[in-house]
Amino acid sequence: MAGGDWSAARAESHLTRSAITGPLLRVQLLLPVLAPAAQSAAQAAYGMREAGTAAELQEAREDAIRASDALVAAAGVALAA
């Protein structure tokens, strides 16, 4: 990658991290019972960056969707209590 490409990739990475970290922290602070599910969802989202092939990316996307669904389900249980 050329210098400009790295700068753009780094800026995009920071935006992605900010989009995940802010909500993750709020969930952990407001509903600590959801912290494990929220952390799993965040890690699954970050895991998509590790994909080296289209098949790996698809698998990582599906993992992230499952982790997100698990977080939503856990939030529903916590809020219904």
PDB file of N, CA and C in Angstrom:
ATOM      1  N   MET A   1       0.840  -1.190   0.000  1.00  0.00           N
ATOM      2  CA  MET A   1       0.000   0.000   0.000  1.00  0.00           C
ATOM      3  C   MET A   1       0.880   1.246   0.000  1.00  0.00           C
ATOM      4  N   ALA A   2       0.423   2.238  -0.673  1.00  0.00           N
ATOM      5  CA  ALA A   2       1.117   3.519  -0.666  1.00  0.00           C
ATOM      6  C   ALA A   2       0.775   4.263   0.618  1.00  0.00           C
ATOM      7  N   GLY A   3       1.527   5.310   0.915  1.00  0.00           N
ATOM      8  CA  GLY A   3       1.321   6.071   2.152  1.00  0.00           C
ATOM      9  C   GLY A   3      -0.100   6.560   2.330  1.00  0.00           C
ATOM     10  N   GLY A   4      -0.699   7.073   1.274  1.00  0.00           N
ATOM     11  CA  GLY A   4      -2.072   7.559   1.354  1.00  0.00           C
ATOM     12  C   GLY A   4      -3.060   6.446   1.637  1.00  0.00           C
ATOM     13  N   ASP A   5      -2.779   5.274   1.067  1.00  0.00           N
ATOM     14  CA  ASP A   5      -3.658   4.128   1.309  1.00  0.00           C
ATOM     15  C   ASP A   5      -3.647   3.730   2.780  1.00  0.00           C
ATOM     16  N   TRP A   6      -2.454   3.723   3.393  1.00  0.00           N
ATOM     17  CA  TRP A   6      -2.356   3.387   4.814  1.00  0.00           C
ATOM     18  C   TRP A   6      -3.082   4.415   5.665  1.00  0.00           C
ATOM     19  N   SER A   7      -2.954   5.683   5.300  1.00  0.00           N
ATOM     20  CA  SER A   7      -3.633   6.734   6.065  1.00  0.00           C
ATOM     21  C   SER A   7      -5.143   6.569   5.993  1.00  0.00           C
ATOM     22  N   ALA A   8      -5.643   6.279   4.819  1.00  0.00           N
ATOM     23  CA  ALA A   8      -7.085   6.088   4.657  1.00  0.00           C
ATOM     24  C   ALA A   8      -7.548   4.847   5.419  1.00  0.00           C
ATOM     25  N   ALA A   9      -6.767   3.777   5.341  1.00  0.00           N
ATOM     26  CA  ALA A   9      -7.130   2.547   6.057  1.00  0.00           C
ATOM     27  C   ALA A   9      -7.112   2.775   7.562  1.00  0.00           C
ATOM     28  N   ARG A  10      -6.118   3.506   8.038  1.00  0.00           N
ATOM     29  CA  ARG A  10      -6.032   3.797   9.471  1.00  0.00           C
ATOM     30  C   ARG A  10      -7.216   4.648   9.913  1.00  0.00           C
ATOM     31  N   ALA A  11      -7.568   5.656   9.133  1.00  0.00           N
ATOM     32  CA  ALA A  11      -8.705   6.516   9.478  1.00  0.00           C
ATOM     33  C   ALA A  11      -9.996   5.698   9.515  1.00  0.00           C
ATOM     34  N   GLU A  12     -10.167   4.808   8.549  1.00  0.00           N
ATOM     35  CA  GLU A  12     -11.360   3.954   8.517  1.00  0.00           C
ATOM     36  C   GLU A  12     -11.388   3.022   9.724  1.00  0.00           C
ATOM     37  N   SER A  13     -10.229   2.506  10.096  1.00  0.00           N
ATOM     38  CA  SER A  13     -10.139   1.632  11.264  1.00  0.00           C
ATOM     39  C   SER A  13     -10.530   2.372  12.537  1.00  0.00           C
ATOM     40  N   HIS A  14     -10.079   3.623  12.656  1.00  0.00           N
ATOM     41  CA  HIS A  14     -10.439   4.424  13.834  1.00  0.00           C
ATOM     42  C   HIS A  14     -11.940   4.704  13.876  1.00  0.00           C
ATOM     43  N   LEU A  15     -12.535   4.967  12.727  1.00  0.00           N
ATOM     44  CA  LEU A  15     -13.985   5.191  12.681  1.00  0.00           C
ATOM     45  C   LEU A  15     -14.744   3.937  13.098  1.00  0.00           C
ATOM     46  N   THR A  16     -14.292   2.800  12.596  1.00  0.00           N
ATOM     47  CA  THR A  16     -14.938   1.540  12.962  1.00  0.00           C
ATOM     48  C   THR A  16     -14.808   1.281  14.452  1.00  0.00           C
ATOM     49  N   ARG A  17     -13.608   1.478  14.974  1.00  0.00           N
ATOM     50  CA  ARG A  17     -13.383   1.249  16.404  1.00  0.00           C
ATOM     51  C   ARG A  17     -14.259   2.175  17.231  1.00  0.00           C
ATOM     52  N   SER A  18     -14.366   3.430  16.837  1.00  0.00           N
ATOM     53  CA  SER A  18     -15.213   4.377  17.570  1.00  0.00           C
ATOM     54  C   SER A  18     -16.680   3.972  17.514  1.00  0.00           C
ATOM     55  N   ALA A  19     -17.106   3.485  16.357  1.00  0.00           N
ATOM     56  CA  ALA A  19     -18.504   3.076  16.205  1.00  0.00           C
ATOM     57  C   ALA A  19     -18.838   1.879  17.084  1.00  0.00           C
ATOM     58  N   ILE A  20     -17.852   1.070  17.388  1.00  0.00           N
ATOM     59  CA  ILE A  20     -18.075  -0.107  18.231  1.00  0.00           C
ATOM     60  C   ILE A  20     -17.818   0.202  19.698  1.00  0.00           C
ATOM     61  N   THR A  21     -16.739   0.904  19.986  1.00  0.00           N
ATOM     62  CA  THR A  21     -16.315   1.112  21.375  1.00  0.00           C
ATOM     63  C   THR A  21     -17.299   1.945  22.184  1.00  0.00           C
ATOM     64  N   GLY A  22     -17.823   3.010  21.628  1.00  0.00           N
ATOM     65  CA  GLY A  22     -18.765   3.864  22.365  1.00  0.00           C
ATOM     66  C   GLY A  22     -19.990   3.099  22.847  1.00  0.00           C
ATOM     67  N   PRO A  23     -20.711   2.455  21.935  1.00  0.00           N
ATOM     68  CA  PRO A  23     -21.874   1.676  22.373  1.00  0.00           C
ATOM     69  C   PRO A  23     -21.497   0.526  23.310  1.00  0.00           C
ATOM     70  N   LEU A  24     -20.359  -0.107  23.065  1.00  0.00           N
ATOM     71  CA  LEU A  24     -19.915  -1.201  23.936  1.00  0.00           C
ATOM     72  C   LEU A  24     -19.730  -0.710  25.363  1.00  0.00           C
ATOM     73  N   LEU A  25     -19.075   0.418  25.520  1.00  0.00           N
ATOM     74  CA  LEU A  25     -18.868   0.965  26.865  1.00  0.00           C
ATOM     75  C   LEU A  25     -20.187   1.340  27.530  1.00  0.00           C
ATOM     76  N   ARG A  26     -21.094   1.945  26.773  1.00  0.00           N
ATOM     77  CA  ARG A  26     -22.389   2.317  27.353  1.00  0.00           C
ATOM     78  C   ARG A  26     -23.156   1.089  27.836  1.00  0.00           C
ATOM     79  N   VAL A  27     -23.161   0.048  27.027  1.00  0.00           N
ATOM     80  CA  VAL A  27     -23.862  -1.177  27.436  1.00  0.00           C
ATOM     81  C   VAL A  27     -23.233  -1.749  28.697  1.00  0.00           C
ATOM     82  N   GLN A  28     -21.914  -1.805  28.739  1.00  0.00           N
ATOM     83  CA  GLN A  28     -21.229  -2.375  29.896  1.00  0.00           C
ATOM     84  C   GLN A  28     -21.468  -1.564  31.161  1.00  0.00           C
ATOM     85  N   LEU A  29     -21.567  -0.254  31.028  1.00  0.00           N
ATOM     86  CA  LEU A  29     -21.796   0.596  32.197  1.00  0.00           C
ATOM     87  C   LEU A  29     -23.253   0.577  32.649  1.00  0.00           C
ATOM     88  N   LEU A  30     -24.177   0.604  31.702  1.00  0.00           N
ATOM     89  CA  LEU A  30     -25.594   0.680  32.055  1.00  0.00           C
ATOM     90  C   LEU A  30     -26.201  -0.673  32.422  1.00  0.00           C
ATOM     91  N   LEU A  31     -25.757  -1.722  31.775  1.00  0.00           N
ATOM     92  CA  LEU A  31     -26.274  -3.071  32.039  1.00  0.00           C
ATOM     93  C   LEU A  31     -25.096  -4.045  32.107  1.00  0.00           C
ATOM     94  N   PRO A  32     -24.374  -4.046  33.222  1.00  0.00           N
ATOM     95  CA  PRO A  32     -23.183  -4.898  33.332  1.00  0.00           C
ATOM     96  C   PRO A  32     -23.450  -6.374  33.046  1.00  0.00           C
ATOM     97  N   VAL A  33     -24.674  -6.831  33.268  1.00  0.00           N
ATOM     98  CA  VAL A  33     -25.003  -8.227  32.997  1.00  0.00           C
ATOM     99  C   VAL A  33     -24.827  -8.560  31.511  1.00  0.00           C
ATOM    100  N   LEU A  34     -24.883  -7.543  30.666  1.00  0.00           N
ATOM    101  CA  LEU A  34     -24.735  -7.749  29.224  1.00  0.00           C
ATOM    102  C   LEU A  34     -23.290  -7.661  28.752  1.00  0.00           C
ATOM    103  N   ALA A  35     -22.370  -7.347  29.650  1.00  0.00           N
ATOM    104  CA  ALA A  35     -20.974  -7.147  29.253  1.00  0.00           C
ATOM    105  C   ALA A  35     -20.403  -8.329  28.469  1.00  0.00           C
ATOM    106  N   PRO A  36     -20.557  -9.564  28.936  1.00  0.00           N
ATOM    107  CA  PRO A  36     -19.977 -10.673  28.157  1.00  0.00           C
ATOM    108  C   PRO A  36     -20.549 -10.781  26.736  1.00  0.00           C
ATOM    109  N   ALA A  37     -21.855 -10.652  26.603  1.00  0.00           N
ATOM    110  CA  ALA A  37     -22.469 -10.737  25.274  1.00  0.00           C
ATOM    111  C   ALA A  37     -22.049  -9.559  24.401  1.00  0.00           C
ATOM    112  N   ALA A  38     -21.945  -8.376  24.998  1.00  0.00           N
ATOM    113  CA  ALA A  38     -21.523  -7.194  24.245  1.00  0.00           C
ATOM    114  C   ALA A  38     -20.075  -7.336  23.790  1.00  0.00           C
ATOM    115  N   GLN A  39     -19.230  -7.838  24.666  1.00  0.00           N
ATOM    116  CA  GLN A  39     -17.827  -8.039  24.295  1.00  0.00           C
ATOM    117  C   GLN A  39     -17.695  -9.080  23.192  1.00  0.00           C
ATOM    118  N   SER A  40     -18.476 -10.135  23.268  1.00  0.00           N
ATOM    119  CA  SER A  40     -18.451 -11.161  22.218  1.00  0.00           C
ATOM    120  C   SER A  40     -18.888 -10.586  20.875  1.00  0.00           C
ATOM    121  N   ALA A  41     -19.914  -9.756  20.893  1.00  0.00           N
ATOM    122  CA  ALA A  41     -20.387  -9.136  19.653  1.00  0.00           C
ATOM    123  C   ALA A  41     -19.325  -8.211  19.073  1.00  0.00           C
ATOM    124  N   ALA A  42     -18.678  -7.441  19.928  1.00  0.00           N
ATOM    125  CA  ALA A  42     -17.623  -6.543  19.454  1.00  0.00           C
ATOM    126  C   ALA A  42     -16.454  -7.343  18.885  1.00  0.00           C
ATOM    127  N   GLN A  43     -16.038  -8.381  19.580  1.00  0.00           N
ATOM    128  CA  GLN A  43     -14.934  -9.202  19.088  1.00  0.00           C
ATOM    129  C   GLN A  43     -15.285  -9.865  17.760  1.00  0.00           C
ATOM    130  N   ALA A  44     -16.516 -10.283  17.617  1.00  0.00           N
ATOM    131  CA  ALA A  44     -16.938 -10.894  16.357  1.00  0.00           C
ATOM    132  C   ALA A  44     -16.893  -9.875  15.219  1.00  0.00           C
ATOM    133  N   ALA A  45     -17.281  -8.643  15.512  1.00  0.00           N
ATOM    134  CA  ALA A  45     -17.208  -7.594  14.489  1.00  0.00           C
ATOM    135  C   ALA A  45     -15.758  -7.332  14.102  1.00  0.00           C
ATOM    136  N   TYR A  46     -14.889  -7.226  15.098  1.00  0.00           N
ATOM    137  CA  TYR A  46     -13.470  -7.028  14.808  1.00  0.00           C
ATOM    138  C   TYR A  46     -12.877  -8.230  14.080  1.00  0.00           C
ATOM    139  N   GLY A  47     -13.390  -9.417  14.356  1.00  0.00           N
ATOM    140  CA  GLY A  47     -12.875 -10.625  13.735  1.00  0.00           C
ATOM    141  C   GLY A  47     -13.016 -10.641  12.226  1.00  0.00           C
ATOM    142  N   MET A  48     -13.936  -9.860  11.703  1.00  0.00           N
ATOM    143  CA  MET A  48     -14.104  -9.807  10.251  1.00  0.00           C
ATOM    144  C   MET A  48     -12.856  -9.268   9.570  1.00  0.00           C
ATOM    145  N   ARG A  49     -12.073  -8.470  10.284  1.00  0.00           N
ATOM    146  CA  ARG A  49     -10.859  -7.907   9.687  1.00  0.00           C
ATOM    147  C   ARG A  49      -9.806  -8.975   9.428  1.00  0.00           C
ATOM    148  N   GLU A  50      -9.903 -10.099  10.116  1.00  0.00           N
ATOM    149  CA  GLU A  50      -8.903 -11.154   9.995  1.00  0.00           C
ATOM    150  C   GLU A  50      -9.148 -12.078   8.801  1.00  0.00           C
ATOM    151  N   ALA A  51     -10.277 -11.941   8.161  1.00  0.00           N
ATOM    152  CA  ALA A  51     -10.614 -12.825   7.043  1.00  0.00           C
ATOM    153  C   ALA A  51      -9.629 -12.626   5.899  1.00  0.00           C
ATOM    154  N   GLY A  52      -9.160 -13.745   5.366  1.00  0.00           N
ATOM    155  CA  GLY A  52      -8.220 -13.674   4.256  1.00  0.00           C
ATOM    156  C   GLY A  52      -8.832 -14.037   2.920  1.00  0.00           C
ATOM    157  N   THR A  53      -9.992 -14.661   2.971  1.00  0.00           N
ATOM    158  CA  THR A  53     -10.679 -15.066   1.743  1.00  0.00           C
ATOM    159  C   THR A  53     -12.144 -14.657   1.833  1.00  0.00           C
ATOM    160  N   ALA A  54     -12.804 -14.728   0.708  1.00  0.00           N
ATOM    161  CA  ALA A  54     -14.235 -14.400   0.695  1.00  0.00           C
ATOM    162  C   ALA A  54     -15.015 -15.373   1.576  1.00  0.00           C
ATOM    163  N   ALA A  55     -14.631 -16.638   1.563  1.00  0.00           N
ATOM    164  CA  ALA A  55     -15.324 -17.630   2.391  1.00  0.00           C
ATOM    165  C   ALA A  55     -15.106 -17.341   3.874  1.00  0.00           C
ATOM    166  N   GLU A  56     -13.887 -16.970   4.241  1.00  0.00           N
ATOM    167  CA  GLU A  56     -13.606 -16.626   5.639  1.00  0.00           C
ATOM    168  C   GLU A  56     -14.378 -15.384   6.061  1.00  0.00           C
ATOM    169  N   LEU A  57     -14.486 -14.417   5.153  1.00  0.00           N
ATOM    170  CA  LEU A  57     -15.244 -13.208   5.456  1.00  0.00           C
ATOM    171  C   LEU A  57     -16.718 -13.540   5.662  1.00  0.00           C
ATOM    172  N   GLN A  58     -17.264 -14.386   4.818  1.00  0.00           N
ATOM    173  CA  GLN A  58     -18.669 -14.779   4.972  1.00  0.00           C
ATOM    174  C   GLN A  58     -18.880 -15.473   6.311  1.00  0.00           C
ATOM    175  N   GLU A  59     -17.972 -16.358   6.677  1.00  0.00           N
ATOM    176  CA  GLU A  59     -18.079 -17.050   7.965  1.00  0.00           C
ATOM    177  C   GLU A  59     -17.977 -16.059   9.121  1.00  0.00           C
ATOM    178  N   ALA A  60     -17.056 -15.100   9.004  1.00  0.00           N
ATOM    179  CA  ALA A  60     -16.902 -14.089  10.053  1.00  0.00           C
ATOM    180  C   ALA A  60     -18.148 -13.216  10.155  1.00  0.00           C
ATOM    181  N   ARG A  61     -18.751 -12.887   9.026  1.00  0.00           N
ATOM    182  CA  ARG A  61     -19.999 -12.106   9.036  1.00  0.00           C
ATOM    183  C   ARG A  61     -21.103 -12.867   9.758  1.00  0.00           C
ATOM    184  N   GLU A  62     -21.212 -14.144   9.448  1.00  0.00           N
ATOM    185  CA  GLU A  62     -22.239 -14.963  10.096  1.00  0.00           C
ATOM    186  C   GLU A  62     -21.987 -15.069  11.598  1.00  0.00           C
ATOM    187  N   ASP A  63     -20.719 -15.190  11.989  1.00  0.00           N
ATOM    188  CA  ASP A  63     -20.377 -15.207  13.419  1.00  0.00           C
ATOM    189  C   ASP A  63     -20.785 -13.897  14.079  1.00  0.00           C
ATOM    190  N   ALA A  64     -20.520 -12.779  13.397  1.00  0.00           N
ATOM    191  CA  ALA A  64     -20.863 -11.467  13.948  1.00  0.00           C
ATOM    192  C   ALA A  64     -22.378 -11.306  14.078  1.00  0.00           C
ATOM    193  N   ILE A  65     -23.110 -11.783  13.106  1.00  0.00           N
ATOM    194  CA  ILE A  65     -24.576 -11.711  13.170  1.00  0.00           C
ATOM    195  C   ILE A  65     -25.095 -12.544  14.334  1.00  0.00           C
ATOM    196  N   ARG A  66     -24.561 -13.757  14.496  1.00  0.00           N
ATOM    197  CA  ARG A  66     -24.982 -14.600  15.620  1.00  0.00           C
ATOM    198  C   ARG A  66     -24.656 -13.940  16.956  1.00  0.00           C
ATOM    199  N   ALA A  67     -23.480 -13.341  17.069  1.00  0.00           N
ATOM    200  CA  ALA A  67     -23.096 -12.676  18.316  1.00  0.00           C
ATOM    201  C   ALA A  67     -23.991 -11.472  18.586  1.00  0.00           C
ATOM    202  N   SER A  68     -24.333 -10.736  17.543  1.00  0.00           N
ATOM    203  CA  SER A  68     -25.235  -9.597  17.691  1.00  0.00           C
ATOM    204  C   SER A  68     -26.627 -10.059  18.108  1.00  0.00           C
ATOM    205  N   ASP A  69     -27.099 -11.121  17.484  1.00  0.00           N
ATOM    206  CA  ASP A  69     -28.408 -11.673  17.855  1.00  0.00           C
ATOM    207  C   ASP A  69     -28.411 -12.141  19.308  1.00  0.00           C
ATOM    208  N   ALA A  70     -27.310 -12.747  19.748  1.00  0.00           N
ATOM    209  CA  ALA A  70     -27.207 -13.200  21.140  1.00  0.00           C
ATOM    210  C   ALA A  70     -27.235 -12.014  22.095  1.00  0.00           C
ATOM    211  N   LEU A  71     -26.593 -10.916  21.713  1.00  0.00           N
ATOM    212  CA  LEU A  71     -26.617  -9.705  22.537  1.00  0.00           C
ATOM    213  C   LEU A  71     -28.038  -9.154  22.632  1.00  0.00           C
ATOM    214  N   VAL A  72     -28.737  -9.097  21.520  1.00  0.00           N
ATOM    215  CA  VAL A  72     -30.115  -8.598  21.520  1.00  0.00           C
ATOM    216  C   VAL A  72     -31.001  -9.488  22.387  1.00  0.00           C
ATOM    217  N   ALA A  73     -30.829 -10.791  22.278  1.00  0.00           N
ATOM    218  CA  ALA A  73     -31.623 -11.712  23.095  1.00  0.00           C
ATOM    219  C   ALA A  73     -31.313 -11.527  24.578  1.00  0.00           C
ATOM    220  N   ALA A  74     -30.038 -11.385  24.914  1.00  0.00           N
ATOM    221  CA  ALA A  74     -29.653 -11.177  26.315  1.00  0.00           C
ATOM    222  C   ALA A  74     -30.201  -9.853  26.832  1.00  0.00           C
ATOM    223  N   ALA A  75     -30.202  -8.828  25.986  1.00  0.00           N
ATOM    224  CA  ALA A  75     -30.757  -7.534  26.392  1.00  0.00           C
ATOM    225  C   ALA A  75     -32.257  -7.658  26.645  1.00  0.00           C
ATOM    226  N   GLY A  76     -32.944  -8.393  25.799  1.00  0.00           N
ATOM    227  CA  GLY A  76     -34.376  -8.602  26.003  1.00  0.00           C
ATOM    228  C   GLY A  76     -34.669  -9.271  27.330  1.00  0.00           C
ATOM    229  N   VAL A  77     -33.888 -10.277  27.670  1.00  0.00           N
ATOM    230  CA  VAL A  77     -34.059 -10.972  28.951  1.00  0.00           C
ATOM    231  C   VAL A  77     -33.771 -10.021  30.104  1.00  0.00           C
ATOM    232  N   ALA A  78     -32.673  -9.272  29.997  1.00  0.00           N
ATOM    233  CA  ALA A  78     -32.284  -8.362  31.081  1.00  0.00           C
ATOM    234  C   ALA A  78     -33.317  -7.258  31.283  1.00  0.00           C
ATOM    235  N   LEU A  79     -33.833  -6.722  30.205  1.00  0.00           N
ATOM    236  CA  LEU A  79     -34.791  -5.624  30.317  1.00  0.00           C
ATOM    237  C   LEU A  79     -36.180  -6.104  30.739  1.00  0.00           C
ATOM    238  N   ALA A  80     -36.481  -7.361  30.484  1.00  0.00           N
ATOM    239  CA  ALA A  80     -37.778  -7.907  30.885  1.00  0.00           C
ATOM    240  C   ALA A  80     -37.811  -8.276  32.365  1.00  0.00           C
ATOM    241  N   ALA A  81     -36.642  -8.391  32.961  1.00  0.00           N
ATOM    242  CA  ALA A  81     -36.563  -8.805  34.378  1.00  0.00           C
ATOM    243  C   ALA A  81     -36.975  -7.677  35.307  1.00  0.00           C
TER     244      ALA A  81
END
